[in-house]
Amino acid sequence: MKYLYTPYDIAVFFVVSDFTQSNERAVIRDIWENDKASIPTKYRKDEILFRRRIYFELSKFDGSLDDLDELNILMRDTDHALCIDGTINEQCVIESYFKIIKLELTHIPNKDYCKIKLRRLLKAFGYKRRSAQLVGSIRRTLGALKLKTHLRGYVPCDIAEIGIDDMVMIRLK
């Protein structure tokens, strides 16, 4: 399964990254020219529509996000993560969270990994403990996005088996 970068995901990435407009344009151009298969089909034939939709989504944000917790709150409070009945679609939140990390690892120079404590990662999704369903969703999303988890020292790890207070490094495969 391949996850697609929605204009919303890219807009959130821009807010989190605090890029200049020229950097934003360069990232959009790079995605358009080199990774078009990772954007939704309806945008693949019209670069102007793709670009406008990203800037429309970006216009919805009036402040900057300083913390991963704020990013999580933002994703949970927007329509992007809501189901028709108004409940939060947990899988959408997990997917968006890791898609933004992948965008950071791909488009921010000299950023090779994202470091986060497992406890904080679980808290970002509203959990205090690991459940089999949550671990399965995270594994599926990481695999589809070609991301790997490591402990310090570049030791591969499985989030189901490490300690809750271990620092997890998320890297590109």
C-alpha atoms as a PDB file:
ATOM      1  CA  MET A   1       0.000   0.000   0.000  1.00  0.00           C
ATOM      2  CA  LYS A   2       1.354   3.432  -0.951  1.00  0.00           C
ATOM      3  CA  TYR A   3       0.282   6.520   0.936  1.00  0.00           C
ATOM      4  CA  LEU A   4      -0.140   9.696  -1.074  1.00  0.00           C
ATOM      5  CA  TYR A   5       0.952  13.168   0.020  1.00  0.00           C
ATOM      6  CA  THR A   6      -2.193  15.273   0.105  1.00  0.00           C
ATOM      7  CA  PRO A   7      -2.000  19.055  -0.281  1.00  0.00           C
ATOM      8  CA  TYR A   8      -2.965  19.183   3.399  1.00  0.00           C
ATOM      9  CA  ASP A   9       0.045  17.031   4.393  1.00  0.00           C
ATOM     10  CA  ILE A  10       2.377  19.242   2.391  1.00  0.00           C
ATOM     11  CA  ALA A  11       0.866  22.411   3.905  1.00  0.00           C
ATOM     12  CA  VAL A  12       1.328  21.079   7.441  1.00  0.00           C
ATOM     13  CA  PHE A  13       4.913  20.143   6.544  1.00  0.00           C
ATOM     14  CA  PHE A  14       5.530  23.724   5.387  1.00  0.00           C
ATOM     15  CA  VAL A  15       4.102  25.150   8.612  1.00  0.00           C
ATOM     16  CA  VAL A  16       6.168  22.794  10.764  1.00  0.00           C
ATOM     17  CA  SER A  17       9.330  23.412   8.717  1.00  0.00           C
ATOM     18  CA  ASP A  18       8.940  27.189   8.658  1.00  0.00           C
ATOM     19  CA  PHE A  19      10.259  27.289   5.086  1.00  0.00           C
ATOM     20  CA  THR A  20      10.640  30.432   3.019  1.00  0.00           C
ATOM     21  CA  GLN A  21       8.365  30.742   0.011  1.00  0.00           C
ATOM     22  CA  SER A  22      11.250  29.934  -2.324  1.00  0.00           C
ATOM     23  CA  ASN A  23      11.944  26.723  -0.368  1.00  0.00           C
ATOM     24  CA  GLU A  24       8.250  25.844  -0.492  1.00  0.00           C
ATOM     25  CA  ARG A  25       8.198  26.333  -4.257  1.00  0.00           C
ATOM     26  CA  ALA A  26      11.337  24.190  -4.598  1.00  0.00           C
ATOM     27  CA  VAL A  27       9.746  21.350  -2.583  1.00  0.00           C
ATOM     28  CA  ILE A  28       6.533  21.518  -4.612  1.00  0.00           C
ATOM     29  CA  ARG A  29       8.554  21.498  -7.825  1.00  0.00           C
ATOM     30  CA  ASP A  30      10.635  18.533  -6.595  1.00  0.00           C
ATOM     31  CA  ILE A  31       7.546  16.523  -5.682  1.00  0.00           C
ATOM     32  CA  TRP A  32       5.910  17.441  -8.996  1.00  0.00           C
ATOM     33  CA  GLU A  33       8.934  16.525 -11.120  1.00  0.00           C
ATOM     34  CA  ASN A  34      10.411  13.596  -9.205  1.00  0.00           C
ATOM     35  CA  ASP A  35       7.664  12.038  -7.109  1.00  0.00           C
ATOM     36  CA  LYS A  36       4.381  12.641  -8.957  1.00  0.00           C
ATOM     37  CA  ALA A  37       3.267   9.086  -8.159  1.00  0.00           C
ATOM     38  CA  SER A  38       3.079  10.077  -4.490  1.00  0.00           C
ATOM     39  CA  ILE A  39       0.357  12.707  -4.991  1.00  0.00           C
ATOM     40  CA  PRO A  40      -3.379  12.048  -5.476  1.00  0.00           C
ATOM     41  CA  THR A  41      -4.438  11.226  -9.034  1.00  0.00           C
ATOM     42  CA  LYS A  42      -6.656  14.276  -9.437  1.00  0.00           C
ATOM     43  CA  TYR A  43      -3.590  16.551  -9.132  1.00  0.00           C
ATOM     44  CA  ARG A  44      -1.141  14.598 -11.318  1.00  0.00           C
ATOM     45  CA  LYS A  45      -2.126  16.273 -14.594  1.00  0.00           C
ATOM     46  CA  ASP A  46      -2.446  19.867 -13.389  1.00  0.00           C
ATOM     47  CA  GLU A  47       0.492  21.396 -11.538  1.00  0.00           C
ATOM     48  CA  ILE A  48      -1.319  24.709 -11.073  1.00  0.00           C
ATOM     49  CA  LEU A  49      -4.264  22.979  -9.384  1.00  0.00           C
ATOM     50  CA  PHE A  50      -1.849  21.030  -7.155  1.00  0.00           C
ATOM     51  CA  ARG A  51       0.069  24.177  -6.203  1.00  0.00           C
ATOM     52  CA  ARG A  52      -3.118  26.205  -5.596  1.00  0.00           C
ATOM     53  CA  ARG A  53      -4.595  23.500  -3.379  1.00  0.00           C
ATOM     54  CA  ILE A  54      -1.427  23.395  -1.269  1.00  0.00           C
ATOM     55  CA  TYR A  55      -1.505  27.178  -0.826  1.00  0.00           C
ATOM     56  CA  PHE A  56      -5.233  27.058  -0.061  1.00  0.00           C
ATOM     57  CA  GLU A  57      -4.541  24.535   2.710  1.00  0.00           C
ATOM     58  CA  LEU A  58      -1.584  26.625   3.868  1.00  0.00           C
ATOM     59  CA  SER A  59      -3.792  29.716   4.091  1.00  0.00           C
ATOM     60  CA  LYS A  60      -5.889  27.968   6.755  1.00  0.00           C
ATOM     61  CA  PHE A  61      -2.974  28.166   9.173  1.00  0.00           C
ATOM     62  CA  ASP A  62      -2.381  31.563  10.711  1.00  0.00           C
ATOM     63  CA  GLY A  63       0.307  30.679  13.265  1.00  0.00           C
ATOM     64  CA  SER A  64       3.298  28.422  13.435  1.00  0.00           C
ATOM     65  CA  LEU A  65       3.570  25.080  15.150  1.00  0.00           C
ATOM     66  CA  ASP A  66       6.391  24.775  17.639  1.00  0.00           C
ATOM     67  CA  ASP A  67       5.828  21.302  18.965  1.00  0.00           C
ATOM     68  CA  LEU A  68       4.840  17.828  17.801  1.00  0.00           C
ATOM     69  CA  ASP A  69       1.999  17.917  20.335  1.00  0.00           C
ATOM     70  CA  GLU A  70       0.575  21.001  18.642  1.00  0.00           C
ATOM     71  CA  LEU A  71       0.889  19.248  15.281  1.00  0.00           C
ATOM     72  CA  ASN A  72      -1.070  16.315  16.643  1.00  0.00           C
ATOM     73  CA  ILE A  73      -3.763  18.582  18.070  1.00  0.00           C
ATOM     74  CA  LEU A  74      -3.986  20.383  14.753  1.00  0.00           C
ATOM     75  CA  MET A  75      -4.392  17.151  12.807  1.00  0.00           C
ATOM     76  CA  ARG A  76      -7.032  15.898  15.211  1.00  0.00           C
ATOM     77  CA  ASP A  77      -8.981  19.176  15.104  1.00  0.00           C
ATOM     78  CA  THR A  78      -9.128  19.539  11.336  1.00  0.00           C
ATOM     79  CA  ASP A  79     -11.488  17.942   8.858  1.00  0.00           C
ATOM     80  CA  HIS A  80      -8.576  15.978   7.444  1.00  0.00           C
ATOM     81  CA  ALA A  81      -8.678  13.481  10.286  1.00  0.00           C
ATOM     82  CA  LEU A  82     -12.418  13.384  10.871  1.00  0.00           C
ATOM     83  CA  CYS A  83     -14.825  10.743   9.677  1.00  0.00           C
ATOM     84  CA  ILE A  84     -18.300  11.531   8.375  1.00  0.00           C
ATOM     85  CA  ASP A  85     -19.838  10.880  11.787  1.00  0.00           C
ATOM     86  CA  GLY A  86     -17.436  13.368  13.424  1.00  0.00           C
ATOM     87  CA  THR A  87     -15.213  10.807  15.116  1.00  0.00           C
ATOM     88  CA  ILE A  88     -11.473  10.901  14.635  1.00  0.00           C
ATOM     89  CA  ASN A  89     -10.113   8.483  12.074  1.00  0.00           C
ATOM     90  CA  GLU A  90      -7.104   7.172  13.966  1.00  0.00           C
ATOM     91  CA  GLN A  91      -5.440   5.671  10.899  1.00  0.00           C
ATOM     92  CA  CYS A  92      -5.588   9.048   9.104  1.00  0.00           C
ATOM     93  CA  VAL A  93      -3.870  10.726  12.045  1.00  0.00           C
ATOM     94  CA  ILE A  94      -1.141   8.062  12.092  1.00  0.00           C
ATOM     95  CA  GLU A  95      -0.659   8.294   8.331  1.00  0.00           C
ATOM     96  CA  SER A  96      -0.472  12.103   8.344  1.00  0.00           C
ATOM     97  CA  TYR A  97       1.956  12.107  11.241  1.00  0.00           C
ATOM     98  CA  PHE A  98       4.410   9.790   9.491  1.00  0.00           C
ATOM     99  CA  LYS A  99       3.909  11.350   6.036  1.00  0.00           C
ATOM    100  CA  ILE A 100       5.009  14.678   7.491  1.00  0.00           C
ATOM    101  CA  ILE A 101       8.056  12.999   9.038  1.00  0.00           C
ATOM    102  CA  LYS A 102       8.890  11.480   5.649  1.00  0.00           C
ATOM    103  CA  LEU A 103       8.552  14.874   3.975  1.00  0.00           C
ATOM    104  CA  GLU A 104      10.943  16.305   6.583  1.00  0.00           C
ATOM    105  CA  LEU A 105      13.486  13.537   6.020  1.00  0.00           C
ATOM    106  CA  THR A 106      13.208  13.891   2.257  1.00  0.00           C
ATOM    107  CA  HIS A 107      13.188  17.659   1.836  1.00  0.00           C
ATOM    108  CA  ILE A 108      15.039  19.218   4.777  1.00  0.00           C
ATOM    109  CA  PRO A 109      18.768  19.280   4.045  1.00  0.00           C
ATOM    110  CA  ASN A 110      20.995  17.346   6.483  1.00  0.00           C
ATOM    111  CA  LYS A 111      18.022  15.846   8.331  1.00  0.00           C
ATOM    112  CA  ASP A 112      18.698  12.096   8.434  1.00  0.00           C
ATOM    113  CA  TYR A 113      16.322  11.084  11.212  1.00  0.00           C
ATOM    114  CA  CYS A 114      13.476  12.178  13.436  1.00  0.00           C
ATOM    115  CA  LYS A 115      14.015  11.437  17.114  1.00  0.00           C
ATOM    116  CA  ILE A 116      11.157  10.920  19.563  1.00  0.00           C
ATOM    117  CA  LYS A 117      10.581   8.979  22.776  1.00  0.00           C
ATOM    118  CA  LEU A 118       8.187   6.087  22.338  1.00  0.00           C
ATOM    119  CA  ARG A 119       6.063   7.446  25.204  1.00  0.00           C
ATOM    120  CA  ARG A 120       5.683  10.768  23.376  1.00  0.00           C
ATOM    121  CA  LEU A 121       4.886   9.027  20.093  1.00  0.00           C
ATOM    122  CA  LEU A 122       2.112   7.057  21.779  1.00  0.00           C
ATOM    123  CA  LYS A 123       0.844  10.233  23.436  1.00  0.00           C
ATOM    124  CA  ALA A 124       0.696  11.921  20.021  1.00  0.00           C
ATOM    125  CA  PHE A 125      -1.930   9.351  19.043  1.00  0.00           C
ATOM    126  CA  GLY A 126      -3.793   9.593  22.357  1.00  0.00           C
ATOM    127  CA  TYR A 127      -2.365   6.444  23.958  1.00  0.00           C
ATOM    128  CA  LYS A 128      -0.479   5.753  27.179  1.00  0.00           C
ATOM    129  CA  ARG A 129       0.198   2.100  26.401  1.00  0.00           C
ATOM    130  CA  ARG A 130       0.780   0.138  23.232  1.00  0.00           C
ATOM    131  CA  SER A 131      -2.120  -1.835  21.869  1.00  0.00           C
ATOM    132  CA  ALA A 132      -1.775  -4.518  19.214  1.00  0.00           C
ATOM    133  CA  GLN A 133      -4.003  -2.464  16.911  1.00  0.00           C
ATOM    134  CA  LEU A 134      -1.925   0.709  17.338  1.00  0.00           C
ATOM    135  CA  VAL A 135       1.368  -1.138  16.842  1.00  0.00           C
ATOM    136  CA  GLY A 136      -0.063  -2.807  13.730  1.00  0.00           C
ATOM    137  CA  SER A 137      -1.197   0.545  12.300  1.00  0.00           C
ATOM    138  CA  ILE A 138       2.177   2.142  12.983  1.00  0.00           C
ATOM    139  CA  ARG A 139       4.076  -0.804  11.463  1.00  0.00           C
ATOM    140  CA  ARG A 140       1.856  -0.771   8.359  1.00  0.00           C
ATOM    141  CA  THR A 141       2.286   2.964   7.888  1.00  0.00           C
ATOM    142  CA  LEU A 142       6.057   2.882   8.461  1.00  0.00           C
ATOM    143  CA  GLY A 143       6.413   0.010   5.985  1.00  0.00           C
ATOM    144  CA  ALA A 144       4.296   1.674   3.315  1.00  0.00           C
ATOM    145  CA  LEU A 145       6.226   4.936   3.656  1.00  0.00           C
ATOM    146  CA  LYS A 146       9.554   3.078   3.646  1.00  0.00           C
ATOM    147  CA  LEU A 147      10.537   4.328   7.088  1.00  0.00           C
ATOM    148  CA  LYS A 148      12.504   2.334   9.662  1.00  0.00           C
ATOM    149  CA  THR A 149      12.776   2.649  13.438  1.00  0.00           C
ATOM    150  CA  HIS A 150      16.106   2.498  15.219  1.00  0.00           C
ATOM    151  CA  LEU A 151      17.452   2.957  18.701  1.00  0.00           C
ATOM    152  CA  ARG A 152      20.551   5.012  19.415  1.00  0.00           C
ATOM    153  CA  GLY A 153      23.594   3.667  17.661  1.00  0.00           C
ATOM    154  CA  TYR A 154      21.606   2.830  14.529  1.00  0.00           C
ATOM    155  CA  VAL A 155      20.270  -0.395  16.069  1.00  0.00           C
ATOM    156  CA  PRO A 156      17.064  -1.513  14.278  1.00  0.00           C
ATOM    157  CA  CYS A 157      14.109  -1.928  16.635  1.00  0.00           C
ATOM    158  CA  ASP A 158      10.471  -2.893  16.746  1.00  0.00           C
ATOM    159  CA  ILE A 159       8.178  -0.510  18.606  1.00  0.00           C
ATOM    160  CA  ALA A 160       6.334  -3.479  20.094  1.00  0.00           C
ATOM    161  CA  GLU A 161       9.477  -4.722  21.845  1.00  0.00           C
ATOM    162  CA  ILE A 162      11.345  -1.633  23.077  1.00  0.00           C
ATOM    163  CA  GLY A 163      10.916   0.148  26.395  1.00  0.00           C
ATOM    164  CA  ILE A 164       8.334   2.898  26.706  1.00  0.00           C
ATOM    165  CA  ASP A 165      11.046   5.446  27.594  1.00  0.00           C
ATOM    166  CA  ASP A 166      13.416   4.460  24.766  1.00  0.00           C
ATOM    167  CA  MET A 167      14.343   7.108  22.215  1.00  0.00           C
ATOM    168  CA  VAL A 168      13.261   6.042  18.725  1.00  0.00           C
ATOM    169  CA  MET A 169      14.994   7.319  15.590  1.00  0.00           C
ATOM    170  CA  ILE A 170      12.822   7.244  12.484  1.00  0.00           C
ATOM    171  CA  ARG A 171      14.869   7.051   9.282  1.00  0.00           C
ATOM    172  CA  LEU A 172      14.332   6.457   5.594  1.00  0.00           C
ATOM    173  CA  LYS A 173      14.972   2.876   4.452  1.00  0.00           C
END
